[in-house]
């Protein structure tokens, strides 16, 4: 028979054993937690998301006879807010040191001072119509700055990393052709990026604060 004194003390015994078990496990519990939880999102990630959103414009051209998509264009103007936020986020994600981040920032500043650059994603129901690198592309591209009209200095196929595009560039999809288009800097605060063709035209407008 179990003595009454042991029965009376049994809740206290269970509590004591429970405390001993908890005290013996804190290090293991901490390790599991540190490896299973992702770090909180940095403020710079929100900055890049907002910068991309504020500087992206979209235009469309449809065929009236069958409502097919002649051209769907989304363009991100890489102003300084976009470039700076990109550097900060890239540096954080890749654990750059302060000096390395500063060099990266200066490199972006140099490009920004000599070019007006746009990241452009094109989609068309006719794949060839979205090809800007053909010898005679369907669409001519111009940038109006103030009173001047400029042709591209460079049109390059852009292949942003899929992880970057997935997180920040939602207009980049597997069905779009993506280009980096660079123009010389010009006067005037208003920027108008224009795509013109026999098929129609798209005009996208920015009012940079810089």
N, C-alpha and C. Protein backbone atom coordinates (compact mmCIF):
# COMPACT_ATOMS: atom_id res chain seq x y z
N UNK A 1 0.86 -1.19 0.00
CA UNK A 1 0.00 0.00 0.00
C UNK A 1 0.89 1.23 0.00
N UNK A 2 0.45 2.22 -0.77
CA UNK A 2 1.19 3.47 -0.82
C UNK A 2 0.83 4.31 0.38
N UNK A 3 1.82 4.82 1.05
CA UNK A 3 1.56 5.58 2.27
C UNK A 3 0.86 6.88 1.94
N UNK A 4 0.07 7.36 2.88
CA UNK A 4 -0.66 8.61 2.67
C UNK A 4 0.28 9.79 2.55
N UNK A 5 1.44 9.71 3.24
CA UNK A 5 2.38 10.84 3.16
C UNK A 5 2.96 10.97 1.76
N UNK A 6 3.21 9.83 1.07
CA UNK A 6 3.74 9.90 -0.30
C UNK A 6 2.68 10.44 -1.25
N UNK A 7 1.41 9.98 -1.03
CA UNK A 7 0.32 10.48 -1.87
C UNK A 7 0.17 11.98 -1.73
N UNK A 8 0.32 12.47 -0.52
CA UNK A 8 0.17 13.91 -0.30
C UNK A 8 1.28 14.69 -0.98
N UNK A 9 2.49 14.09 -1.04
CA UNK A 9 3.64 14.80 -1.62
C UNK A 9 3.79 14.56 -3.12
N UNK A 10 2.94 13.69 -3.74
CA UNK A 10 3.12 13.33 -5.14
C UNK A 10 3.02 14.53 -6.08
N UNK A 11 2.08 15.47 -5.93
CA UNK A 11 2.07 16.63 -6.83
C UNK A 11 3.36 17.43 -6.76
N UNK A 12 3.90 17.57 -5.55
CA UNK A 12 5.16 18.31 -5.41
C UNK A 12 6.29 17.57 -6.11
N UNK A 13 6.27 16.21 -6.02
CA UNK A 13 7.33 15.43 -6.67
C UNK A 13 7.27 15.60 -8.18
N UNK A 14 6.06 15.55 -8.76
CA UNK A 14 5.92 15.73 -10.20
C UNK A 14 6.39 17.12 -10.63
N UNK A 15 6.06 18.13 -9.85
CA UNK A 15 6.48 19.50 -10.17
C UNK A 15 7.99 19.61 -10.14
N UNK A 16 8.63 18.97 -9.13
CA UNK A 16 10.09 19.03 -9.02
C UNK A 16 10.74 18.36 -10.22
N UNK A 17 10.21 17.18 -10.60
CA UNK A 17 10.77 16.49 -11.77
C UNK A 17 10.58 17.32 -13.04
N UNK A 18 9.44 17.99 -13.17
CA UNK A 18 9.20 18.82 -14.34
C UNK A 18 10.18 19.96 -14.44
N UNK A 19 10.48 20.59 -13.31
CA UNK A 19 11.44 21.69 -13.30
C UNK A 19 12.83 21.21 -13.68
N UNK A 20 13.20 20.02 -13.17
CA UNK A 20 14.52 19.47 -13.50
C UNK A 20 14.64 19.20 -15.00
N UNK A 21 13.57 18.69 -15.63
CA UNK A 21 13.60 18.40 -17.08
C UNK A 21 13.73 19.69 -17.88
N UNK A 22 12.98 20.72 -17.50
CA UNK A 22 13.05 22.00 -18.22
C UNK A 22 14.43 22.63 -18.10
N UNK A 23 15.04 22.51 -16.91
CA UNK A 23 16.36 23.07 -16.72
C UNK A 23 17.42 22.32 -17.51
N UNK A 24 17.17 21.06 -17.78
CA UNK A 24 18.16 20.26 -18.50
C UNK A 24 18.08 20.47 -20.00
N UNK A 25 17.00 21.12 -20.55
CA UNK A 25 16.81 21.21 -21.99
C UNK A 25 16.99 22.58 -22.63
N UNK A 26 17.28 23.66 -21.95
CA UNK A 26 17.25 24.98 -22.59
C UNK A 26 18.19 25.11 -23.76
N UNK A 27 19.39 24.52 -23.69
CA UNK A 27 20.35 24.70 -24.79
C UNK A 27 19.83 24.05 -26.06
N UNK A 28 19.26 22.85 -25.98
CA UNK A 28 18.73 22.17 -27.15
C UNK A 28 17.56 22.94 -27.74
N UNK A 29 16.66 23.42 -26.88
CA UNK A 29 15.51 24.18 -27.37
C UNK A 29 15.97 25.43 -28.11
N UNK A 30 16.98 26.09 -27.63
CA UNK A 30 17.48 27.32 -28.26
C UNK A 30 18.07 27.03 -29.62
N UNK A 31 18.80 25.93 -29.76
CA UNK A 31 19.40 25.58 -31.05
C UNK A 31 18.33 25.29 -32.08
N UNK A 32 17.31 24.54 -31.69
CA UNK A 32 16.24 24.22 -32.65
C UNK A 32 15.55 25.50 -33.10
N UNK A 33 15.33 26.40 -32.22
CA UNK A 33 14.65 27.64 -32.56
C UNK A 33 15.50 28.50 -33.50
N UNK A 34 16.78 28.59 -33.25
CA UNK A 34 17.63 29.46 -34.04
C UNK A 34 17.78 28.97 -35.47
N UNK A 35 17.65 27.67 -35.70
CA UNK A 35 17.81 27.14 -37.05
C UNK A 35 16.49 27.00 -37.79
N UNK A 36 15.38 27.07 -37.08
CA UNK A 36 14.10 26.84 -37.74
C UNK A 36 13.38 28.13 -38.08
N UNK A 37 13.77 29.25 -37.48
CA UNK A 37 13.10 30.51 -37.74
C UNK A 37 13.97 31.43 -38.59
N UNK A 38 13.35 32.01 -39.64
CA UNK A 38 14.08 32.93 -40.51
C UNK A 38 14.23 34.27 -39.81
N UNK A 39 15.28 35.03 -40.12
CA UNK A 39 15.43 36.35 -39.52
C UNK A 39 14.34 37.29 -40.01
N UNK A 40 13.99 38.30 -39.25
CA UNK A 40 12.94 39.22 -39.67
C UNK A 40 13.35 39.98 -40.93
N UNK A 41 12.37 40.35 -41.75
CA UNK A 41 12.65 41.08 -42.99
C UNK A 41 13.22 42.45 -42.66
N UNK A 42 14.30 42.85 -43.32
CA UNK A 42 14.91 44.15 -43.04
C UNK A 42 14.10 45.29 -43.62
N UNK A 43 14.29 46.48 -43.09
CA UNK A 43 13.55 47.64 -43.58
C UNK A 43 13.92 47.97 -45.01
N UNK A 44 15.16 47.66 -45.45
CA UNK A 44 15.58 47.98 -46.82
C UNK A 44 14.79 47.18 -47.84
N UNK A 45 14.32 45.96 -47.47
CA UNK A 45 13.52 45.17 -48.40
C UNK A 45 12.22 45.88 -48.71
N UNK A 46 11.59 46.47 -47.69
CA UNK A 46 10.38 47.24 -47.90
C UNK A 46 10.68 48.46 -48.76
N UNK A 47 11.84 49.08 -48.55
CA UNK A 47 12.22 50.23 -49.34
C UNK A 47 12.35 49.90 -50.82
N UNK A 48 12.95 48.76 -51.15
CA UNK A 48 13.10 48.37 -52.55
C UNK A 48 11.75 48.04 -53.17
N UNK A 49 10.91 47.35 -52.42
CA UNK A 49 9.57 47.02 -52.92
C UNK A 49 8.81 48.29 -53.26
N UNK A 50 8.85 49.26 -52.37
CA UNK A 50 8.12 50.51 -52.59
C UNK A 50 8.74 51.31 -53.73
N UNK A 51 10.07 51.34 -53.81
CA UNK A 51 10.75 52.08 -54.88
C UNK A 51 10.40 51.51 -56.24
N UNK A 52 10.37 50.17 -56.35
CA UNK A 52 10.00 49.53 -57.62
C UNK A 52 8.55 49.85 -57.96
N UNK A 53 7.67 49.76 -56.98
CA UNK A 53 6.25 50.02 -57.21
C UNK A 53 6.03 51.45 -57.69
N UNK A 54 6.70 52.42 -57.07
CA UNK A 54 6.50 53.82 -57.41
C UNK A 54 7.07 54.19 -58.78
N UNK A 55 8.02 53.41 -59.28
CA UNK A 55 8.70 53.77 -60.53
C UNK A 55 8.39 52.82 -61.69
N UNK A 56 7.36 52.00 -61.55
CA UNK A 56 6.94 51.09 -62.62
C UNK A 56 5.67 51.60 -63.28
N UNK A 57 5.68 51.59 -64.61
CA UNK A 57 4.52 52.00 -65.40
C UNK A 57 4.17 50.86 -66.36
N UNK A 58 2.87 50.76 -66.71
CA UNK A 58 2.40 49.70 -67.58
C UNK A 58 1.48 50.26 -68.65
N UNK A 59 1.62 49.73 -69.89
CA UNK A 59 0.74 50.11 -70.99
C UNK A 59 0.41 48.90 -71.84
N UNK A 60 -0.70 48.99 -72.60
CA UNK A 60 -1.17 47.86 -73.39
C UNK A 60 -1.65 48.32 -74.76
N UNK A 61 -1.50 47.42 -75.74
CA UNK A 61 -2.11 47.59 -77.05
C UNK A 61 -2.83 46.30 -77.39
N UNK A 62 -4.15 46.41 -77.70
CA UNK A 62 -4.94 45.23 -78.04
C UNK A 62 -5.38 45.31 -79.50
N UNK A 63 -5.58 44.14 -80.10
CA UNK A 63 -6.15 44.06 -81.45
C UNK A 63 -7.67 44.04 -81.32
N UNK A 64 -8.35 44.97 -81.98
CA UNK A 64 -9.80 45.09 -81.83
C UNK A 64 -10.53 43.90 -82.44
N UNK A 65 -9.97 43.32 -83.52
CA UNK A 65 -10.70 42.26 -84.20
C UNK A 65 -10.82 40.99 -83.38
N UNK A 66 -9.80 40.66 -82.59
CA UNK A 66 -9.87 39.43 -81.80
C UNK A 66 -9.46 39.63 -80.34
N UNK A 67 -9.22 40.88 -79.96
CA UNK A 67 -8.84 41.22 -78.58
C UNK A 67 -7.58 40.52 -78.11
N UNK A 68 -6.72 40.15 -79.04
CA UNK A 68 -5.43 39.57 -78.67
C UNK A 68 -4.50 40.67 -78.18
N UNK A 69 -3.48 40.28 -77.43
CA UNK A 69 -2.53 41.24 -76.88
C UNK A 69 -1.45 41.53 -77.91
N UNK A 70 -1.50 42.71 -78.49
CA UNK A 70 -0.46 43.13 -79.43
C UNK A 70 0.81 43.44 -78.67
N UNK A 71 0.68 44.17 -77.57
CA UNK A 71 1.84 44.49 -76.73
C UNK A 71 1.38 44.80 -75.32
N UNK A 72 2.05 44.18 -74.38
CA UNK A 72 1.91 44.52 -72.96
C UNK A 72 3.30 44.88 -72.48
N UNK A 73 3.48 46.12 -72.04
CA UNK A 73 4.80 46.58 -71.64
C UNK A 73 4.75 47.10 -70.20
N UNK A 74 5.70 46.65 -69.39
CA UNK A 74 5.91 47.19 -68.05
C UNK A 74 7.35 47.69 -67.98
N UNK A 75 7.52 48.91 -67.50
CA UNK A 75 8.85 49.51 -67.48
C UNK A 75 9.14 50.09 -66.11
N UNK A 76 10.30 49.74 -65.59
CA UNK A 76 10.78 50.29 -64.32
C UNK A 76 11.88 51.30 -64.61
N UNK A 77 11.66 52.55 -64.24
CA UNK A 77 12.71 53.55 -64.36
C UNK A 77 13.61 53.44 -63.14
N UNK A 78 14.88 53.17 -63.39
CA UNK A 78 15.82 52.96 -62.30
C UNK A 78 16.37 54.30 -61.83
N UNK A 79 15.53 55.02 -61.09
CA UNK A 79 15.99 56.28 -60.52
C UNK A 79 16.89 55.99 -59.32
N UNK A 80 17.36 57.04 -58.67
CA UNK A 80 18.33 56.81 -57.60
C UNK A 80 17.70 56.07 -56.41
N UNK A 81 16.43 56.29 -56.15
CA UNK A 81 15.80 55.59 -55.03
C UNK A 81 15.79 54.08 -55.28
N UNK A 82 15.58 53.66 -56.53
CA UNK A 82 15.60 52.24 -56.86
C UNK A 82 17.02 51.69 -56.73
N UNK A 83 17.99 52.41 -57.28
CA UNK A 83 19.37 51.93 -57.24
C UNK A 83 19.90 51.83 -55.81
N UNK A 84 19.64 52.85 -55.02
CA UNK A 84 20.13 52.83 -53.65
C UNK A 84 19.48 51.72 -52.84
N UNK A 85 18.16 51.57 -52.97
CA UNK A 85 17.46 50.51 -52.23
C UNK A 85 17.93 49.13 -52.68
N UNK A 86 18.23 48.99 -53.97
CA UNK A 86 18.73 47.72 -54.48
C UNK A 86 20.09 47.39 -53.86
N UNK A 87 20.98 48.36 -53.80
CA UNK A 87 22.31 48.14 -53.21
C UNK A 87 22.18 47.73 -51.75
N UNK A 88 21.34 48.46 -51.00
CA UNK A 88 21.18 48.15 -49.58
C UNK A 88 20.64 46.73 -49.38
N UNK A 89 19.65 46.36 -50.18
CA UNK A 89 19.06 45.03 -50.03
C UNK A 89 20.04 43.95 -50.48
N UNK A 90 20.74 44.18 -51.57
CA UNK A 90 21.72 43.20 -52.07
C UNK A 90 22.84 43.01 -51.04
N UNK A 91 23.32 44.12 -50.50
CA UNK A 91 24.40 44.05 -49.52
C UNK A 91 23.96 43.30 -48.27
N UNK A 92 22.74 43.55 -47.83
CA UNK A 92 22.24 42.84 -46.64
C UNK A 92 22.10 41.34 -46.92
N UNK A 93 21.50 41.01 -48.09
CA UNK A 93 21.24 39.61 -48.40
C UNK A 93 22.53 38.82 -48.56
N UNK A 94 23.59 39.47 -49.06
CA UNK A 94 24.86 38.78 -49.31
C UNK A 94 25.92 39.09 -48.25
N UNK A 95 25.49 39.76 -47.18
CA UNK A 95 26.36 40.03 -46.03
C UNK A 95 27.65 40.75 -46.45
N UNK A 96 27.48 41.78 -47.23
CA UNK A 96 28.64 42.58 -47.64
C UNK A 96 29.16 43.40 -46.47
N UNK A 97 30.45 43.66 -46.47
CA UNK A 97 31.02 44.59 -45.51
C UNK A 97 30.71 46.02 -45.92
N UNK A 98 30.95 46.96 -45.01
CA UNK A 98 30.63 48.36 -45.28
C UNK A 98 31.42 48.92 -46.46
N UNK A 99 32.69 48.57 -46.56
CA UNK A 99 33.51 49.08 -47.65
C UNK A 99 33.06 48.51 -48.99
N UNK A 100 32.73 47.24 -49.01
CA UNK A 100 32.26 46.61 -50.25
C UNK A 100 30.92 47.21 -50.68
N UNK A 101 30.05 47.45 -49.72
CA UNK A 101 28.77 48.08 -50.03
C UNK A 101 28.96 49.49 -50.56
N UNK A 102 29.90 50.23 -49.98
CA UNK A 102 30.16 51.61 -50.43
C UNK A 102 30.68 51.61 -51.87
N UNK A 103 31.54 50.65 -52.24
CA UNK A 103 32.03 50.57 -53.62
C UNK A 103 30.90 50.24 -54.58
N UNK A 104 30.03 49.35 -54.16
CA UNK A 104 28.88 48.99 -54.99
C UNK A 104 27.99 50.20 -55.21
N UNK A 105 27.79 50.98 -54.16
CA UNK A 105 26.94 52.16 -54.24
C UNK A 105 27.54 53.20 -55.19
N UNK A 106 28.85 53.38 -55.14
CA UNK A 106 29.51 54.34 -56.03
C UNK A 106 29.42 53.88 -57.48
N UNK A 107 29.51 52.59 -57.71
CA UNK A 107 29.37 52.06 -59.06
C UNK A 107 27.99 52.37 -59.62
N UNK A 108 26.96 52.17 -58.81
CA UNK A 108 25.60 52.48 -59.25
C UNK A 108 25.43 53.98 -59.46
N UNK A 109 26.06 54.79 -58.63
CA UNK A 109 25.97 56.25 -58.78
C UNK A 109 26.59 56.70 -60.10
N UNK A 110 27.69 56.07 -60.49
CA UNK A 110 28.35 56.42 -61.74
C UNK A 110 27.47 56.09 -62.94
N UNK A 111 26.83 54.92 -62.91
CA UNK A 111 25.93 54.54 -64.01
C UNK A 111 24.74 55.49 -64.06
N UNK A 112 24.22 55.83 -62.90
CA UNK A 112 23.04 56.70 -62.84
C UNK A 112 23.34 58.10 -63.37
N UNK A 113 24.55 58.57 -63.17
CA UNK A 113 24.90 59.93 -63.61
C UNK A 113 25.11 60.02 -65.12
N UNK A 114 25.32 58.89 -65.78
CA UNK A 114 25.62 58.91 -67.21
C UNK A 114 24.51 58.30 -68.08
N UNK A 115 23.49 57.70 -67.47
CA UNK A 115 22.43 57.05 -68.25
C UNK A 115 21.07 57.23 -67.59
N UNK A 116 20.06 57.18 -68.44
CA UNK A 116 18.69 56.96 -67.98
C UNK A 116 18.38 55.51 -68.32
N UNK A 117 18.23 54.68 -67.31
CA UNK A 117 18.07 53.25 -67.56
C UNK A 117 16.69 52.76 -67.16
N UNK A 118 16.12 51.89 -68.02
CA UNK A 118 14.81 51.30 -67.78
C UNK A 118 14.92 49.78 -67.87
N UNK A 119 14.26 49.10 -66.95
CA UNK A 119 14.11 47.65 -67.03
C UNK A 119 12.73 47.41 -67.61
N UNK A 120 12.69 46.83 -68.81
CA UNK A 120 11.44 46.74 -69.57
C UNK A 120 11.09 45.28 -69.81
N UNK A 121 9.85 44.92 -69.50
CA UNK A 121 9.32 43.57 -69.76
C UNK A 121 8.23 43.68 -70.81
N UNK A 122 8.38 42.91 -71.90
CA UNK A 122 7.41 42.95 -73.00
C UNK A 122 6.75 41.59 -73.16
N UNK A 123 5.46 41.63 -73.46
CA UNK A 123 4.73 40.41 -73.82
C UNK A 123 3.86 40.71 -75.03
N UNK A 124 3.82 39.76 -75.96
CA UNK A 124 2.93 39.86 -77.11
C UNK A 124 2.44 38.47 -77.46
N UNK A 125 1.19 38.40 -77.98
CA UNK A 125 0.66 37.11 -78.43
C UNK A 125 1.45 36.59 -79.63
N UNK A 126 2.12 37.50 -80.34
CA UNK A 126 3.08 37.13 -81.38
C UNK A 126 4.47 37.35 -80.81
N UNK A 127 5.16 36.29 -80.51
CA UNK A 127 6.42 36.37 -79.79
C UNK A 127 7.45 37.26 -80.49
N UNK A 128 7.46 37.25 -81.81
CA UNK A 128 8.45 38.04 -82.56
C UNK A 128 8.23 39.53 -82.38
N UNK A 129 7.00 39.95 -82.11
CA UNK A 129 6.71 41.37 -81.94
C UNK A 129 7.33 41.94 -80.67
N UNK A 130 7.66 41.09 -79.72
CA UNK A 130 8.25 41.55 -78.46
C UNK A 130 9.77 41.51 -78.49
N UNK A 131 10.35 41.24 -79.64
CA UNK A 131 11.81 41.12 -79.77
C UNK A 131 12.40 42.47 -80.18
N UNK A 132 13.09 43.12 -79.26
CA UNK A 132 13.68 44.43 -79.54
C UNK A 132 15.09 44.33 -80.11
N UNK A 133 15.64 43.14 -80.19
CA UNK A 133 17.00 42.99 -80.69
C UNK A 133 17.07 42.51 -82.14
N UNK A 134 15.93 42.43 -82.78
CA UNK A 134 15.94 42.12 -84.21
C UNK A 134 16.58 43.28 -84.96
N UNK A 135 17.05 42.99 -86.18
CA UNK A 135 17.66 44.02 -86.99
C UNK A 135 16.68 45.15 -87.27
N UNK A 136 15.44 44.81 -87.51
CA UNK A 136 14.40 45.81 -87.73
C UNK A 136 13.21 45.47 -86.83
N UNK A 137 13.28 45.83 -85.55
CA UNK A 137 12.22 45.43 -84.62
C UNK A 137 10.89 46.09 -84.97
N UNK A 138 9.83 45.45 -84.57
CA UNK A 138 8.48 45.97 -84.84
C UNK A 138 8.27 47.29 -84.13
N UNK A 139 8.82 47.42 -82.94
CA UNK A 139 8.60 48.61 -82.12
C UNK A 139 9.87 49.47 -82.07
N UNK A 140 9.70 50.75 -82.32
CA UNK A 140 10.76 51.72 -82.12
C UNK A 140 10.58 52.32 -80.72
N UNK A 141 11.68 52.55 -80.04
CA UNK A 141 11.62 53.05 -78.67
C UNK A 141 12.33 54.40 -78.59
N UNK A 142 11.65 55.38 -77.98
CA UNK A 142 12.23 56.71 -77.81
C UNK A 142 12.01 57.17 -76.38
N UNK A 143 12.91 58.04 -75.92
CA UNK A 143 12.73 58.69 -74.63
C UNK A 143 12.68 60.20 -74.86
N UNK A 144 11.58 60.81 -74.45
CA UNK A 144 11.43 62.26 -74.54
C UNK A 144 11.80 62.86 -73.18
N UNK A 145 12.77 63.74 -73.19
CA UNK A 145 13.21 64.44 -71.98
C UNK A 145 13.16 65.93 -72.28
N UNK A 146 12.24 66.62 -71.64
CA UNK A 146 12.08 68.03 -71.97
C UNK A 146 11.64 68.17 -73.41
N UNK A 147 12.40 68.93 -74.19
CA UNK A 147 12.10 69.13 -75.60
C UNK A 147 12.84 68.15 -76.51
N UNK A 148 13.68 67.30 -75.94
CA UNK A 148 14.50 66.41 -76.75
C UNK A 148 13.92 65.01 -76.87
N UNK A 149 14.20 64.40 -78.03
CA UNK A 149 13.84 62.99 -78.23
C UNK A 149 15.12 62.20 -78.43
N UNK A 150 15.27 61.11 -77.66
CA UNK A 150 16.50 60.33 -77.66
C UNK A 150 16.21 58.89 -78.06
N UNK A 151 17.12 58.31 -78.82
CA UNK A 151 17.07 56.89 -79.15
C UNK A 151 17.97 56.14 -78.16
N UNK A 152 17.74 54.86 -77.98
CA UNK A 152 18.54 54.11 -76.99
C UNK A 152 20.01 54.06 -77.38
N UNK A 153 20.88 54.24 -76.40
CA UNK A 153 22.30 53.99 -76.60
C UNK A 153 22.60 52.50 -76.57
N UNK A 154 21.78 51.76 -75.82
CA UNK A 154 22.02 50.33 -75.65
C UNK A 154 20.72 49.63 -75.29
N UNK A 155 20.47 48.51 -75.98
CA UNK A 155 19.34 47.64 -75.65
C UNK A 155 19.91 46.25 -75.42
N UNK A 156 19.85 45.78 -74.20
CA UNK A 156 20.44 44.50 -73.84
C UNK A 156 19.39 43.59 -73.22
N UNK A 157 19.52 42.31 -73.51
CA UNK A 157 18.65 41.35 -72.83
C UNK A 157 19.01 41.31 -71.36
N UNK A 158 18.03 41.50 -70.53
CA UNK A 158 18.25 41.48 -69.07
C UNK A 158 17.75 40.15 -68.53
N UNK A 159 18.53 39.57 -67.67
CA UNK A 159 18.16 38.30 -67.06
C UNK A 159 18.30 38.42 -65.55
N UNK A 160 17.36 39.17 -64.93
CA UNK A 160 17.47 39.32 -63.47
C UNK A 160 17.33 37.97 -62.80
N UNK A 161 18.10 37.73 -61.74
CA UNK A 161 17.99 36.45 -61.03
C UNK A 161 16.55 36.15 -60.66
N UNK A 162 16.15 34.90 -60.82
CA UNK A 162 14.76 34.54 -60.60
C UNK A 162 14.29 34.88 -59.20
N UNK A 163 15.16 34.71 -58.22
CA UNK A 163 14.78 35.02 -56.84
C UNK A 163 14.51 36.51 -56.67
N UNK A 164 15.35 37.34 -57.31
CA UNK A 164 15.16 38.79 -57.23
C UNK A 164 13.88 39.20 -57.93
N UNK A 165 13.66 38.66 -59.15
CA UNK A 165 12.45 38.98 -59.89
C UNK A 165 11.21 38.52 -59.14
N UNK A 166 11.26 37.34 -58.56
CA UNK A 166 10.12 36.80 -57.83
C UNK A 166 9.75 37.69 -56.64
N UNK A 167 10.76 38.23 -55.97
CA UNK A 167 10.49 39.00 -54.76
C UNK A 167 10.14 40.45 -55.04
N UNK A 168 10.78 41.07 -56.04
CA UNK A 168 10.63 42.51 -56.22
C UNK A 168 10.04 42.93 -57.56
N UNK A 169 10.25 42.14 -58.64
CA UNK A 169 9.80 42.55 -59.97
C UNK A 169 8.65 41.65 -60.40
N UNK A 170 7.45 41.92 -59.92
CA UNK A 170 6.34 41.02 -60.22
C UNK A 170 5.88 41.13 -61.67
N UNK A 171 6.37 42.13 -62.42
CA UNK A 171 6.01 42.24 -63.83
C UNK A 171 6.88 41.36 -64.72
N UNK A 172 7.92 40.77 -64.16
CA UNK A 172 8.78 39.83 -64.91
C UNK A 172 8.21 38.42 -64.72
N UNK A 173 7.82 37.80 -65.83
CA UNK A 173 7.23 36.46 -65.79
C UNK A 173 7.94 35.57 -66.81
N UNK A 174 7.69 34.27 -66.78
CA UNK A 174 8.30 33.38 -67.78
C UNK A 174 7.86 33.68 -69.21
N UNK A 175 6.80 34.48 -69.38
CA UNK A 175 6.28 34.76 -70.72
C UNK A 175 6.72 36.11 -71.27
N UNK A 176 7.51 36.86 -70.51
CA UNK A 176 7.94 38.18 -70.97
C UNK A 176 9.38 38.13 -71.46
N UNK A 177 9.67 39.05 -72.38
CA UNK A 177 11.05 39.31 -72.78
C UNK A 177 11.49 40.55 -72.01
N UNK A 178 12.65 40.46 -71.36
CA UNK A 178 13.09 41.52 -70.45
C UNK A 178 14.36 42.17 -70.99
N UNK A 179 14.36 43.51 -71.02
CA UNK A 179 15.49 44.26 -71.57
C UNK A 179 15.92 45.37 -70.61
N UNK A 180 17.20 45.65 -70.67
CA UNK A 180 17.73 46.87 -70.05
C UNK A 180 17.95 47.86 -71.19
N UNK A 181 17.27 49.00 -71.12
CA UNK A 181 17.37 50.02 -72.17
C UNK A 181 17.96 51.28 -71.56
N UNK A 182 19.07 51.73 -72.14
CA UNK A 182 19.78 52.90 -71.61
C UNK A 182 19.76 54.04 -72.62
N UNK A 183 19.46 55.23 -72.10
CA UNK A 183 19.45 56.46 -72.89
C UNK A 183 20.45 57.44 -72.30
N UNK A 184 20.91 58.40 -73.10
CA UNK A 184 21.75 59.45 -72.52
C UNK A 184 20.91 60.37 -71.65
N UNK A 185 21.50 60.99 -70.65
CA UNK A 185 20.73 61.93 -69.82
C UNK A 185 20.40 63.18 -70.61
N UNK A 186 19.26 63.76 -70.33
CA UNK A 186 18.85 64.99 -71.02
C UNK A 186 18.20 65.96 -70.07
N UNK A 187 17.82 67.11 -70.59
CA UNK A 187 17.18 68.13 -69.75
C UNK A 187 15.71 67.83 -69.53
N UNK A 188 15.12 68.58 -68.64
CA UNK A 188 13.70 68.42 -68.36
C UNK A 188 13.43 67.42 -67.26
N UNK A 189 12.38 67.67 -66.49
CA UNK A 189 12.04 66.80 -65.38
C UNK A 189 11.14 65.65 -65.80
N UNK A 190 10.32 65.84 -66.83
CA UNK A 190 9.39 64.80 -67.25
C UNK A 190 10.07 63.83 -68.21
N UNK A 191 9.89 62.54 -67.97
CA UNK A 191 10.41 61.50 -68.85
C UNK A 191 9.23 60.77 -69.48
N UNK A 192 9.28 60.63 -70.82
CA UNK A 192 8.23 59.90 -71.53
C UNK A 192 8.89 58.81 -72.37
N UNK A 193 8.63 57.57 -72.00
CA UNK A 193 9.16 56.43 -72.74
C UNK A 193 8.07 55.98 -73.70
N UNK A 194 8.41 55.97 -75.01
CA UNK A 194 7.39 55.75 -76.04
C UNK A 194 7.78 54.55 -76.90
N UNK A 195 6.82 53.66 -77.12
CA UNK A 195 6.95 52.53 -78.04
C UNK A 195 5.99 52.78 -79.20
N UNK A 196 6.50 52.86 -80.42
CA UNK A 196 5.66 53.17 -81.57
C UNK A 196 5.83 52.12 -82.66
N UNK A 197 4.73 51.87 -83.38
CA UNK A 197 4.73 50.84 -84.42
C UNK A 197 3.51 51.07 -85.31
N UNK A 198 3.47 50.35 -86.45
CA UNK A 198 2.26 50.33 -87.26
C UNK A 198 1.09 49.77 -86.46
N UNK A 199 1.40 49.00 -85.44
CA UNK A 199 0.36 48.31 -84.68
C UNK A 199 -0.26 49.19 -83.59
N UNK A 200 0.36 50.30 -83.28
CA UNK A 200 -0.13 51.17 -82.21
C UNK A 200 1.01 51.83 -81.47
N UNK A 201 0.74 52.37 -80.31
CA UNK A 201 1.79 53.00 -79.52
C UNK A 201 1.45 52.95 -78.04
N UNK A 202 2.51 53.00 -77.24
CA UNK A 202 2.39 53.04 -75.78
C UNK A 202 3.28 54.18 -75.29
N UNK A 203 2.75 55.00 -74.41
CA UNK A 203 3.53 56.09 -73.82
C UNK A 203 3.45 55.99 -72.30
N UNK A 204 4.62 55.93 -71.66
CA UNK A 204 4.71 55.83 -70.20
C UNK A 204 5.43 57.05 -69.68
N UNK A 205 4.94 57.63 -68.59
CA UNK A 205 5.43 58.92 -68.10
C UNK A 205 5.90 58.84 -66.66
N UNK A 206 7.02 59.50 -66.37
CA UNK A 206 7.55 59.63 -65.02
C UNK A 206 7.83 61.10 -64.73
N UNK A 207 7.72 61.46 -63.48
CA UNK A 207 8.11 62.79 -62.99
C UNK A 207 9.13 62.60 -61.87
N UNK A 208 10.38 62.32 -62.21
CA UNK A 208 11.39 62.03 -61.17
C UNK A 208 11.56 63.20 -60.22
N UNK A 209 11.80 62.86 -58.95
CA UNK A 209 12.02 63.89 -57.94
C UNK A 209 13.48 64.33 -57.86
N UNK A 210 14.36 63.56 -58.51
CA UNK A 210 15.78 63.83 -58.42
C UNK A 210 16.16 65.01 -59.30
